[in-house]
Amino acid sequence: MPKRCCWSMLLAATLPFPTCAAEIYTIDPEHSDLRFSISHFLFLTTHGRFDKISGKVTLDRVAKNGAVGIDVEASAINTDHAKRDENLRSPNFLNTTKHPLIGYQSSAIQFVNDTPTSVEGKLTLLDVTKPVTLTINNFKCDTRPTDMKERCSATANAQIKRSDFGMTYALPLVGDEIKLEFEIEAYKD
């Protein structure tokens, strides 16, 4: 069993609320990604995304809590520029051979009324783990008309400093602050 699946299963098994009220959703990799933007050469902004993302989301709407476990394949970086992507996979930046996964594990989901508004958790990048709060900008659940499966979607963003994770190559020409945006669609198990 892949390491990323184990994290999600362990997370779901150790939630601090009754599982009868909790609903578990599996992230749909076809409709989910992690996008980023960063300053490049002090006046341009480079945009990109990671195309391979997986994980689980657990929502307890009664207790107004939940958990998120996301794994992102670092080598699936895509800035629509092959040579730049190759450099971003190298030891200069993501070192994807040594660190194949970027992980996010939450400790709590904050609600306002019945809507999740933020996620408290930890981001692991280059084997360095730091607290990162995701702000949920958009959240919606419905039933997909083609197969009547229940799904939820969310857009959440955060900002990190890459130097906090030991990624210091080309500073300050390549910016330190990275804007992150998760686009998630997940289906109820």
N, C-alpha and C. Protein backbone atom coordinates (compact mmCIF):
# COMPACT_ATOMS: atom_id res chain seq x y z
N MET A 1 0.86 -1.19 0.00
CA MET A 1 0.00 0.00 0.00
C MET A 1 0.90 1.24 0.00
N PRO A 2 0.64 2.20 -0.89
CA PRO A 2 1.48 3.40 -0.95
C PRO A 2 1.43 4.18 0.35
N LYS A 3 2.56 4.85 0.63
CA LYS A 3 2.68 5.65 1.86
C LYS A 3 1.56 6.67 1.99
N ARG A 4 1.19 7.33 0.87
CA ARG A 4 0.18 8.38 0.94
C ARG A 4 -1.18 7.84 1.36
N CYS A 5 -1.54 6.61 0.96
CA CYS A 5 -2.82 6.04 1.36
C CYS A 5 -2.83 5.73 2.86
N CYS A 6 -1.71 5.30 3.37
CA CYS A 6 -1.62 4.98 4.80
C CYS A 6 -1.89 6.21 5.65
N TRP A 7 -1.35 7.37 5.27
CA TRP A 7 -1.57 8.60 6.03
C TRP A 7 -3.06 8.90 6.12
N SER A 8 -3.74 8.80 4.99
CA SER A 8 -5.16 9.14 4.97
C SER A 8 -5.98 8.17 5.79
N MET A 9 -5.67 6.88 5.72
CA MET A 9 -6.41 5.89 6.49
C MET A 9 -6.15 6.07 7.98
N LEU A 10 -4.91 6.32 8.37
CA LEU A 10 -4.58 6.55 9.77
C LEU A 10 -5.29 7.78 10.28
N LEU A 11 -5.31 8.82 9.49
CA LEU A 11 -5.99 10.05 9.88
C LEU A 11 -7.47 9.80 10.12
N ALA A 12 -8.11 9.09 9.21
CA ALA A 12 -9.55 8.82 9.36
C ALA A 12 -9.82 7.94 10.57
N ALA A 13 -8.90 7.03 10.90
CA ALA A 13 -9.12 6.11 12.02
C ALA A 13 -8.90 6.75 13.38
N THR A 14 -8.23 7.90 13.42
CA THR A 14 -7.90 8.50 14.71
C THR A 14 -8.63 9.81 14.96
N LEU A 15 -9.70 10.06 14.24
CA LEU A 15 -10.44 11.31 14.42
C LEU A 15 -11.08 11.35 15.80
N PRO A 16 -11.11 12.53 16.45
CA PRO A 16 -11.58 12.64 17.82
C PRO A 16 -13.10 12.81 17.95
N PHE A 17 -13.89 12.32 16.98
CA PHE A 17 -15.33 12.43 17.08
C PHE A 17 -15.95 11.14 16.56
N PRO A 18 -17.20 10.88 16.90
CA PRO A 18 -17.84 9.63 16.50
C PRO A 18 -17.88 9.48 14.98
N THR A 19 -17.52 8.31 14.50
CA THR A 19 -17.49 8.10 13.06
C THR A 19 -18.88 8.07 12.46
N CYS A 20 -19.92 7.83 13.25
CA CYS A 20 -21.28 7.79 12.69
C CYS A 20 -21.70 9.17 12.17
N ALA A 21 -21.18 10.25 12.73
CA ALA A 21 -21.51 11.59 12.26
C ALA A 21 -20.53 12.06 11.19
N ALA A 22 -19.38 11.45 11.12
CA ALA A 22 -18.36 11.86 10.17
C ALA A 22 -18.61 11.24 8.80
N GLU A 23 -18.38 12.04 7.78
CA GLU A 23 -18.49 11.58 6.41
C GLU A 23 -17.10 11.66 5.78
N ILE A 24 -16.67 10.59 5.13
CA ILE A 24 -15.34 10.54 4.54
C ILE A 24 -15.48 10.66 3.02
N TYR A 25 -14.66 11.55 2.46
CA TYR A 25 -14.64 11.80 1.03
C TYR A 25 -13.25 11.52 0.49
N THR A 26 -13.19 10.92 -0.70
CA THR A 26 -11.92 10.67 -1.37
C THR A 26 -11.72 11.72 -2.46
N ILE A 27 -10.56 12.35 -2.46
CA ILE A 27 -10.24 13.39 -3.44
C ILE A 27 -10.18 12.77 -4.84
N ASP A 28 -10.85 13.42 -5.78
CA ASP A 28 -10.84 13.00 -7.18
C ASP A 28 -9.64 13.63 -7.87
N PRO A 29 -8.63 12.82 -8.23
CA PRO A 29 -7.42 13.40 -8.83
C PRO A 29 -7.65 14.01 -10.21
N GLU A 30 -8.73 13.61 -10.89
CA GLU A 30 -9.04 14.17 -12.20
C GLU A 30 -9.54 15.61 -12.12
N HIS A 31 -10.09 16.00 -10.96
CA HIS A 31 -10.67 17.33 -10.82
C HIS A 31 -10.05 18.11 -9.66
N SER A 32 -8.83 17.81 -9.31
CA SER A 32 -8.16 18.47 -8.18
C SER A 32 -6.71 18.77 -8.56
N ASP A 33 -6.20 19.87 -8.02
CA ASP A 33 -4.78 20.17 -8.20
C ASP A 33 -4.34 21.19 -7.16
N LEU A 34 -3.04 21.41 -7.12
CA LEU A 34 -2.44 22.45 -6.28
C LEU A 34 -1.78 23.44 -7.22
N ARG A 35 -2.22 24.69 -7.16
CA ARG A 35 -1.67 25.75 -8.01
C ARG A 35 -0.78 26.65 -7.17
N PHE A 36 0.17 27.30 -7.83
CA PHE A 36 1.06 28.20 -7.11
C PHE A 36 1.45 29.37 -7.99
N SER A 37 1.89 30.44 -7.34
CA SER A 37 2.49 31.56 -8.05
C SER A 37 3.62 32.12 -7.20
N ILE A 38 4.65 32.61 -7.89
CA ILE A 38 5.85 33.10 -7.21
C ILE A 38 6.51 34.17 -8.08
N SER A 39 7.11 35.15 -7.43
CA SER A 39 7.83 36.21 -8.14
C SER A 39 9.06 35.61 -8.82
N HIS A 40 9.30 36.05 -10.05
CA HIS A 40 10.42 35.53 -10.82
C HIS A 40 11.21 36.70 -11.40
N PHE A 41 12.48 36.77 -11.04
CA PHE A 41 13.37 37.86 -11.45
C PHE A 41 12.84 39.23 -11.06
N LEU A 42 12.21 39.28 -9.91
CA LEU A 42 11.79 40.48 -9.21
C LEU A 42 10.65 41.27 -9.87
N PHE A 43 10.24 40.93 -11.09
CA PHE A 43 9.16 41.70 -11.67
C PHE A 43 8.14 40.86 -12.43
N LEU A 44 8.40 39.60 -12.66
CA LEU A 44 7.44 38.71 -13.31
C LEU A 44 6.84 37.78 -12.26
N THR A 45 5.71 37.20 -12.57
CA THR A 45 5.12 36.18 -11.71
C THR A 45 5.02 34.89 -12.50
N THR A 46 5.57 33.82 -11.94
CA THR A 46 5.46 32.51 -12.56
C THR A 46 4.31 31.77 -11.90
N HIS A 47 3.47 31.17 -12.75
CA HIS A 47 2.34 30.38 -12.28
C HIS A 47 2.57 28.93 -12.66
N GLY A 48 2.09 28.03 -11.83
CA GLY A 48 2.20 26.62 -12.14
C GLY A 48 1.22 25.82 -11.32
N ARG A 49 1.30 24.51 -11.51
CA ARG A 49 0.42 23.62 -10.77
C ARG A 49 1.09 22.25 -10.61
N PHE A 50 0.57 21.50 -9.67
CA PHE A 50 0.94 20.10 -9.49
C PHE A 50 -0.28 19.31 -9.94
N ASP A 51 -0.09 18.44 -10.92
CA ASP A 51 -1.21 17.76 -11.56
C ASP A 51 -1.63 16.46 -10.89
N LYS A 52 -0.86 15.96 -9.93
CA LYS A 52 -1.22 14.68 -9.28
C LYS A 52 -1.39 14.92 -7.79
N ILE A 53 -2.64 14.78 -7.35
CA ILE A 53 -3.00 15.04 -5.96
C ILE A 53 -3.97 13.95 -5.52
N SER A 54 -3.84 13.52 -4.26
CA SER A 54 -4.73 12.49 -3.73
C SER A 54 -4.94 12.74 -2.24
N GLY A 55 -5.90 12.03 -1.66
CA GLY A 55 -6.11 12.14 -0.23
C GLY A 55 -7.55 11.96 0.18
N LYS A 56 -7.80 12.28 1.44
CA LYS A 56 -9.12 12.11 2.06
C LYS A 56 -9.50 13.39 2.79
N VAL A 57 -10.81 13.64 2.83
CA VAL A 57 -11.37 14.73 3.62
C VAL A 57 -12.46 14.11 4.49
N THR A 58 -12.43 14.40 5.77
CA THR A 58 -13.46 13.93 6.68
C THR A 58 -14.19 15.14 7.23
N LEU A 59 -15.52 15.11 7.12
CA LEU A 59 -16.34 16.21 7.62
C LEU A 59 -17.32 15.67 8.65
N ASP A 60 -17.38 16.33 9.77
CA ASP A 60 -18.40 16.05 10.78
C ASP A 60 -19.20 17.33 10.92
N ARG A 61 -20.30 17.40 10.21
CA ARG A 61 -21.10 18.63 10.20
C ARG A 61 -21.85 18.84 11.50
N VAL A 62 -22.08 17.75 12.26
CA VAL A 62 -22.75 17.88 13.56
C VAL A 62 -21.80 18.51 14.58
N ALA A 63 -20.58 17.97 14.67
CA ALA A 63 -19.59 18.48 15.61
C ALA A 63 -18.86 19.70 15.07
N LYS A 64 -19.09 20.03 13.81
CA LYS A 64 -18.43 21.17 13.15
C LYS A 64 -16.90 21.03 13.25
N ASN A 65 -16.43 19.93 12.72
CA ASN A 65 -15.01 19.64 12.73
C ASN A 65 -14.71 18.74 11.54
N GLY A 66 -13.47 18.36 11.42
CA GLY A 66 -13.08 17.47 10.35
C GLY A 66 -11.59 17.35 10.23
N ALA A 67 -11.16 16.72 9.17
CA ALA A 67 -9.74 16.51 8.94
C ALA A 67 -9.48 16.43 7.45
N VAL A 68 -8.27 16.79 7.07
CA VAL A 68 -7.85 16.74 5.67
C VAL A 68 -6.48 16.10 5.61
N GLY A 69 -6.31 15.17 4.68
CA GLY A 69 -5.01 14.56 4.40
C GLY A 69 -4.78 14.59 2.91
N ILE A 70 -3.78 15.35 2.47
CA ILE A 70 -3.52 15.52 1.04
C ILE A 70 -2.07 15.15 0.75
N ASP A 71 -1.87 14.40 -0.34
CA ASP A 71 -0.54 14.12 -0.85
C ASP A 71 -0.45 14.63 -2.27
N VAL A 72 0.64 15.34 -2.56
CA VAL A 72 0.89 15.91 -3.88
C VAL A 72 2.18 15.32 -4.40
N GLU A 73 2.17 14.79 -5.62
CA GLU A 73 3.39 14.26 -6.23
C GLU A 73 4.22 15.43 -6.75
N ALA A 74 5.37 15.62 -6.11
CA ALA A 74 6.22 16.78 -6.43
C ALA A 74 6.69 16.77 -7.89
N SER A 75 6.93 15.59 -8.45
CA SER A 75 7.42 15.53 -9.83
C SER A 75 6.35 15.90 -10.85
N ALA A 76 5.09 16.02 -10.41
CA ALA A 76 4.00 16.38 -11.32
C ALA A 76 3.85 17.88 -11.46
N ILE A 77 4.93 18.62 -11.19
CA ILE A 77 4.90 20.08 -11.34
C ILE A 77 4.81 20.44 -12.82
N ASN A 78 4.03 21.49 -13.11
CA ASN A 78 3.81 21.87 -14.49
C ASN A 78 3.67 23.39 -14.57
N THR A 79 4.66 24.03 -15.20
CA THR A 79 4.59 25.48 -15.43
C THR A 79 4.46 25.78 -16.93
N ASP A 80 4.18 24.74 -17.72
CA ASP A 80 4.10 24.85 -19.18
C ASP A 80 5.42 25.29 -19.80
N HIS A 81 6.52 24.94 -19.14
CA HIS A 81 7.86 25.26 -19.63
C HIS A 81 8.77 24.10 -19.21
N ALA A 82 9.04 23.18 -20.12
CA ALA A 82 9.72 21.92 -19.79
C ALA A 82 11.07 22.12 -19.11
N LYS A 83 11.88 23.04 -19.60
CA LYS A 83 13.22 23.25 -19.01
C LYS A 83 13.12 23.79 -17.58
N ARG A 84 12.19 24.73 -17.35
CA ARG A 84 11.98 25.25 -16.01
C ARG A 84 11.47 24.15 -15.08
N ASP A 85 10.54 23.33 -15.57
CA ASP A 85 10.01 22.23 -14.74
C ASP A 85 11.11 21.26 -14.34
N GLU A 86 12.01 21.00 -15.27
CA GLU A 86 13.15 20.11 -14.97
C GLU A 86 14.01 20.71 -13.85
N ASN A 87 14.26 22.02 -13.90
CA ASN A 87 15.03 22.69 -12.85
C ASN A 87 14.27 22.67 -11.52
N LEU A 88 12.95 22.85 -11.56
CA LEU A 88 12.16 22.84 -10.33
C LEU A 88 12.14 21.44 -9.69
N ARG A 89 12.28 20.39 -10.49
CA ARG A 89 12.35 19.02 -9.94
C ARG A 89 13.74 18.70 -9.38
N SER A 90 14.73 19.48 -9.72
CA SER A 90 16.13 19.21 -9.35
C SER A 90 16.39 19.51 -7.87
N PRO A 91 17.59 19.16 -7.37
CA PRO A 91 17.96 19.51 -5.99
C PRO A 91 17.97 21.00 -5.72
N ASN A 92 18.01 21.84 -6.77
CA ASN A 92 17.94 23.29 -6.55
C ASN A 92 16.64 23.71 -5.86
N PHE A 93 15.55 23.01 -6.17
CA PHE A 93 14.24 23.40 -5.65
C PHE A 93 13.56 22.22 -4.93
N LEU A 94 12.78 21.41 -5.64
CA LEU A 94 11.96 20.38 -5.00
C LEU A 94 12.68 19.07 -4.72
N ASN A 95 13.79 18.81 -5.42
CA ASN A 95 14.56 17.58 -5.21
C ASN A 95 13.62 16.37 -5.19
N THR A 96 12.87 16.19 -6.27
CA THR A 96 11.80 15.20 -6.29
C THR A 96 12.27 13.76 -6.19
N THR A 97 13.51 13.48 -6.55
CA THR A 97 14.02 12.12 -6.40
C THR A 97 14.12 11.76 -4.92
N LYS A 98 14.60 12.67 -4.11
CA LYS A 98 14.74 12.43 -2.67
C LYS A 98 13.44 12.71 -1.91
N HIS A 99 12.63 13.64 -2.38
CA HIS A 99 11.39 14.05 -1.69
C HIS A 99 10.22 13.98 -2.67
N PRO A 100 9.70 12.79 -2.93
CA PRO A 100 8.68 12.65 -3.97
C PRO A 100 7.30 13.22 -3.61
N LEU A 101 7.02 13.39 -2.32
CA LEU A 101 5.69 13.86 -1.92
C LEU A 101 5.74 15.17 -1.15
N ILE A 102 4.74 15.99 -1.40
CA ILE A 102 4.43 17.16 -0.57
C ILE A 102 3.15 16.79 0.16
N GLY A 103 3.13 16.92 1.47
CA GLY A 103 1.97 16.48 2.23
C GLY A 103 1.35 17.58 3.06
N TYR A 104 0.05 17.49 3.22
CA TYR A 104 -0.66 18.41 4.12
C TYR A 104 -1.58 17.57 4.99
N GLN A 105 -1.41 17.70 6.31
CA GLN A 105 -2.24 16.98 7.28
C GLN A 105 -2.84 17.99 8.24
N SER A 106 -4.16 17.94 8.38
CA SER A 106 -4.81 18.93 9.23
C SER A 106 -5.05 18.39 10.62
N SER A 107 -5.23 19.32 11.54
CA SER A 107 -5.61 18.97 12.90
C SER A 107 -7.03 19.43 13.20
N ALA A 108 -7.58 20.34 12.40
CA ALA A 108 -8.95 20.83 12.64
C ALA A 108 -9.45 21.59 11.43
N ILE A 109 -10.77 21.55 11.26
CA ILE A 109 -11.45 22.38 10.28
C ILE A 109 -12.36 23.32 11.06
N GLN A 110 -12.24 24.61 10.79
CA GLN A 110 -13.08 25.60 11.46
C GLN A 110 -14.34 25.86 10.62
N PHE A 111 -15.47 25.99 11.29
CA PHE A 111 -16.75 26.25 10.62
C PHE A 111 -17.29 27.60 11.06
N VAL A 112 -18.03 28.25 10.18
CA VAL A 112 -18.90 29.37 10.53
C VAL A 112 -20.29 28.92 10.10
N ASN A 113 -21.17 28.78 11.08
CA ASN A 113 -22.49 28.17 10.86
C ASN A 113 -22.28 26.76 10.32
N ASP A 114 -22.77 26.45 9.13
CA ASP A 114 -22.63 25.09 8.59
C ASP A 114 -21.55 24.98 7.51
N THR A 115 -20.75 26.03 7.36
CA THR A 115 -19.78 26.06 6.27
C THR A 115 -18.35 26.05 6.79
N PRO A 116 -17.52 25.11 6.29
CA PRO A 116 -16.09 25.14 6.63
C PRO A 116 -15.44 26.40 6.07
N THR A 117 -14.64 27.09 6.90
CA THR A 117 -14.02 28.34 6.46
C THR A 117 -12.49 28.33 6.49
N SER A 118 -11.91 27.43 7.28
CA SER A 118 -10.44 27.34 7.30
C SER A 118 -10.02 25.97 7.82
N VAL A 119 -8.78 25.63 7.51
CA VAL A 119 -8.21 24.35 7.91
C VAL A 119 -6.88 24.64 8.60
N GLU A 120 -6.74 24.14 9.83
CA GLU A 120 -5.48 24.24 10.56
C GLU A 120 -4.70 22.96 10.32
N GLY A 121 -3.46 23.08 9.88
CA GLY A 121 -2.70 21.87 9.61
C GLY A 121 -1.23 22.12 9.45
N LYS A 122 -0.55 21.10 8.94
CA LYS A 122 0.89 21.17 8.74
C LYS A 122 1.24 20.73 7.34
N LEU A 123 2.10 21.53 6.71
CA LEU A 123 2.59 21.25 5.37
C LEU A 123 3.99 20.66 5.49
N THR A 124 4.23 19.56 4.78
CA THR A 124 5.56 18.95 4.74
C THR A 124 6.11 19.09 3.33
N LEU A 125 7.24 19.76 3.24
CA LEU A 125 7.93 20.03 1.98
C LEU A 125 9.41 19.84 2.22
N LEU A 126 10.07 19.04 1.40
CA LEU A 126 11.51 18.75 1.58
C LEU A 126 11.80 18.18 2.97
N ASP A 127 10.89 17.38 3.50
CA ASP A 127 10.98 16.75 4.82
C ASP A 127 10.99 17.76 5.97
N VAL A 128 10.57 18.97 5.72
CA VAL A 128 10.40 19.99 6.77
C VAL A 128 8.90 20.21 6.94
N THR A 129 8.44 20.18 8.18
CA THR A 129 7.01 20.32 8.46
C THR A 129 6.77 21.62 9.23
N LYS A 130 5.84 22.42 8.71
CA LYS A 130 5.51 23.72 9.31
C LYS A 130 4.00 23.88 9.36
N PRO A 131 3.49 24.60 10.38
CA PRO A 131 2.05 24.87 10.41
C PRO A 131 1.64 25.82 9.29
N VAL A 132 0.53 25.48 8.63
CA VAL A 132 -0.01 26.30 7.55
C VAL A 132 -1.53 26.26 7.66
N THR A 133 -2.14 27.44 7.67
CA THR A 133 -3.60 27.54 7.70
C THR A 133 -4.10 27.78 6.28
N LEU A 134 -5.06 26.98 5.86
CA LEU A 134 -5.71 27.16 4.57
C LEU A 134 -7.00 27.93 4.78
N THR A 135 -7.20 28.98 4.02
CA THR A 135 -8.45 29.72 4.05
C THR A 135 -9.35 29.18 2.95
N ILE A 136 -10.53 28.72 3.32
CA ILE A 136 -11.47 28.17 2.34
C ILE A 136 -12.27 29.32 1.75
N ASN A 137 -12.14 29.50 0.44
CA ASN A 137 -12.81 30.59 -0.26
C ASN A 137 -14.15 30.17 -0.84
N ASN A 138 -14.26 28.91 -1.16
CA ASN A 138 -15.47 28.42 -1.80
C ASN A 138 -15.68 26.99 -1.35
N PHE A 139 -16.90 26.65 -0.93
CA PHE A 139 -17.21 25.29 -0.49
C PHE A 139 -18.64 24.97 -0.90
N LYS A 140 -18.82 23.82 -1.52
CA LYS A 140 -20.15 23.43 -1.98
C LYS A 140 -20.24 21.92 -2.03
N CYS A 141 -21.39 21.38 -1.65
CA CYS A 141 -21.67 19.95 -1.79
C CYS A 141 -22.96 19.79 -2.59
N ASP A 142 -22.99 18.75 -3.42
CA ASP A 142 -24.19 18.43 -4.17
C ASP A 142 -24.13 16.97 -4.61
N THR A 143 -25.04 16.58 -5.46
CA THR A 143 -25.06 15.24 -6.01
C THR A 143 -24.77 15.34 -7.50
N ARG A 144 -23.79 14.57 -7.97
CA ARG A 144 -23.44 14.61 -9.39
C ARG A 144 -24.56 13.98 -10.19
N PRO A 145 -25.10 14.67 -11.16
CA PRO A 145 -26.28 14.17 -11.88
C PRO A 145 -26.02 12.91 -12.70
N THR A 146 -24.79 12.68 -13.13
CA THR A 146 -24.52 11.53 -14.00
C THR A 146 -24.59 10.19 -13.27
N ASP A 147 -24.22 10.16 -11.98
CA ASP A 147 -24.24 8.89 -11.25
C ASP A 147 -24.82 9.00 -9.84
N MET A 148 -25.33 10.18 -9.50
CA MET A 148 -25.98 10.43 -8.20
C MET A 148 -25.04 10.24 -7.02
N LYS A 149 -23.74 10.39 -7.22
CA LYS A 149 -22.77 10.31 -6.12
C LYS A 149 -22.67 11.67 -5.42
N GLU A 150 -22.60 11.64 -4.09
CA GLU A 150 -22.44 12.88 -3.33
C GLU A 150 -21.01 13.35 -3.44
N ARG A 151 -20.86 14.65 -3.69
CA ARG A 151 -19.52 15.22 -3.82
C ARG A 151 -19.48 16.58 -3.14
N CYS A 152 -18.27 16.97 -2.75
CA CYS A 152 -18.02 18.31 -2.24
C CYS A 152 -16.82 18.88 -2.98
N SER A 153 -16.85 20.19 -3.17
CA SER A 153 -15.70 20.86 -3.79
C SER A 153 -15.32 22.06 -2.94
N ALA A 154 -14.04 22.39 -3.00
CA ALA A 154 -13.54 23.53 -2.22
C ALA A 154 -12.35 24.14 -2.92
N THR A 155 -12.21 25.43 -2.73
CA THR A 155 -11.01 26.15 -3.12
C THR A 155 -10.44 26.75 -1.84
N ALA A 156 -9.16 26.50 -1.59
CA ALA A 156 -8.53 27.00 -0.37
C ALA A 156 -7.15 27.55 -0.72
N ASN A 157 -6.77 28.63 -0.03
CA ASN A 157 -5.46 29.22 -0.34
C ASN A 157 -4.65 29.48 0.93
N ALA A 158 -3.36 29.63 0.71
CA ALA A 158 -2.41 29.94 1.78
C ALA A 158 -1.20 30.60 1.15
N GLN A 159 -0.35 31.14 1.99
CA GLN A 159 0.92 31.71 1.53
C GLN A 159 2.01 31.19 2.43
N ILE A 160 3.12 30.75 1.83
CA ILE A 160 4.25 30.23 2.59
C ILE A 160 5.53 30.90 2.12
N LYS A 161 6.57 30.78 2.92
CA LYS A 161 7.92 31.18 2.50
C LYS A 161 8.70 29.91 2.22
N ARG A 162 9.25 29.81 1.03
CA ARG A 162 9.98 28.60 0.67
C ARG A 162 11.24 28.44 1.51
N SER A 163 11.82 29.55 1.94
CA SER A 163 13.03 29.47 2.77
C SER A 163 12.73 28.80 4.11
N ASP A 164 11.48 28.88 4.60
CA ASP A 164 11.12 28.20 5.85
C ASP A 164 11.26 26.69 5.72
N PHE A 165 11.24 26.18 4.49
CA PHE A 165 11.35 24.75 4.24
C PHE A 165 12.74 24.37 3.72
N GLY A 166 13.69 25.31 3.78
CA GLY A 166 15.06 25.04 3.37
C GLY A 166 15.30 25.22 1.88
N MET A 167 14.36 25.79 1.15
CA MET A 167 14.51 26.00 -0.29
C MET A 167 14.98 27.44 -0.51
N THR A 168 16.30 27.62 -0.63
CA THR A 168 16.85 28.97 -0.69
C THR A 168 17.54 29.29 -2.01
N TYR A 169 17.61 28.33 -2.92
CA TYR A 169 18.28 28.54 -4.20
C TYR A 169 17.69 29.76 -4.93
N ALA A 170 18.54 30.62 -5.45
CA ALA A 170 18.21 31.76 -6.31
C ALA A 170 17.46 32.88 -5.60
N LEU A 171 17.48 32.89 -4.27
CA LEU A 171 16.91 34.04 -3.55
C LEU A 171 17.84 35.23 -3.74
N PRO A 172 17.42 36.42 -3.93
CA PRO A 172 16.04 36.89 -4.02
C PRO A 172 15.50 36.98 -5.45
N LEU A 173 16.29 36.56 -6.46
CA LEU A 173 15.81 36.68 -7.84
C LEU A 173 14.52 35.89 -8.06
N VAL A 174 14.46 34.70 -7.49
CA VAL A 174 13.21 33.95 -7.44
C VAL A 174 12.66 34.20 -6.05
N GLY A 175 11.43 34.64 -5.97
CA GLY A 175 10.84 35.08 -4.71
C GLY A 175 10.84 34.05 -3.60
N ASP A 176 10.67 34.52 -2.39
CA ASP A 176 10.58 33.66 -1.23
C ASP A 176 9.13 33.28 -0.94
N GLU A 177 8.21 34.19 -1.17
CA GLU A 177 6.80 33.94 -0.86
C GLU A 177 6.11 33.23 -2.02
N ILE A 178 5.44 32.15 -1.68
CA ILE A 178 4.70 31.36 -2.66
C ILE A 178 3.23 31.38 -2.27
N LYS A 179 2.39 31.75 -3.22
CA LYS A 179 0.95 31.68 -3.00
C LYS A 179 0.47 30.31 -3.47
N LEU A 180 -0.28 29.63 -2.61
CA LEU A 180 -0.80 28.30 -2.90
C LEU A 180 -2.31 28.35 -3.02
N GLU A 181 -2.85 27.55 -3.94
CA GLU A 181 -4.29 27.43 -4.05
C GLU A 181 -4.64 25.96 -4.35
N PHE A 182 -5.37 25.35 -3.42
CA PHE A 182 -5.85 23.99 -3.62
C PHE A 182 -7.23 24.05 -4.27
N GLU A 183 -7.41 23.31 -5.34
CA GLU A 183 -8.72 23.09 -5.96
C GLU A 183 -9.05 21.63 -5.72
N ILE A 184 -10.09 21.38 -4.92
CA ILE A 184 -10.39 20.01 -4.50
C ILE A 184 -11.82 19.65 -4.88
N GLU A 185 -11.98 18.48 -5.48
CA GLU A 185 -13.29 17.87 -5.63
C GLU A 185 -13.18 16.47 -5.05
N ALA A 186 -14.12 16.10 -4.17
CA ALA A 186 -14.03 14.82 -3.47
C ALA A 186 -15.40 14.16 -3.41
N TYR A 187 -15.38 12.83 -3.49
CA TYR A 187 -16.62 12.04 -3.51
C TYR A 187 -16.77 11.24 -2.24
N LYS A 188 -18.00 11.19 -1.73
CA LYS A 188 -18.29 10.48 -0.49
C LYS A 188 -18.02 8.99 -0.66
N ASP A 189 -17.29 8.41 0.30
CA ASP A 189 -16.98 6.98 0.26
C ASP A 189 -18.23 6.15 0.49
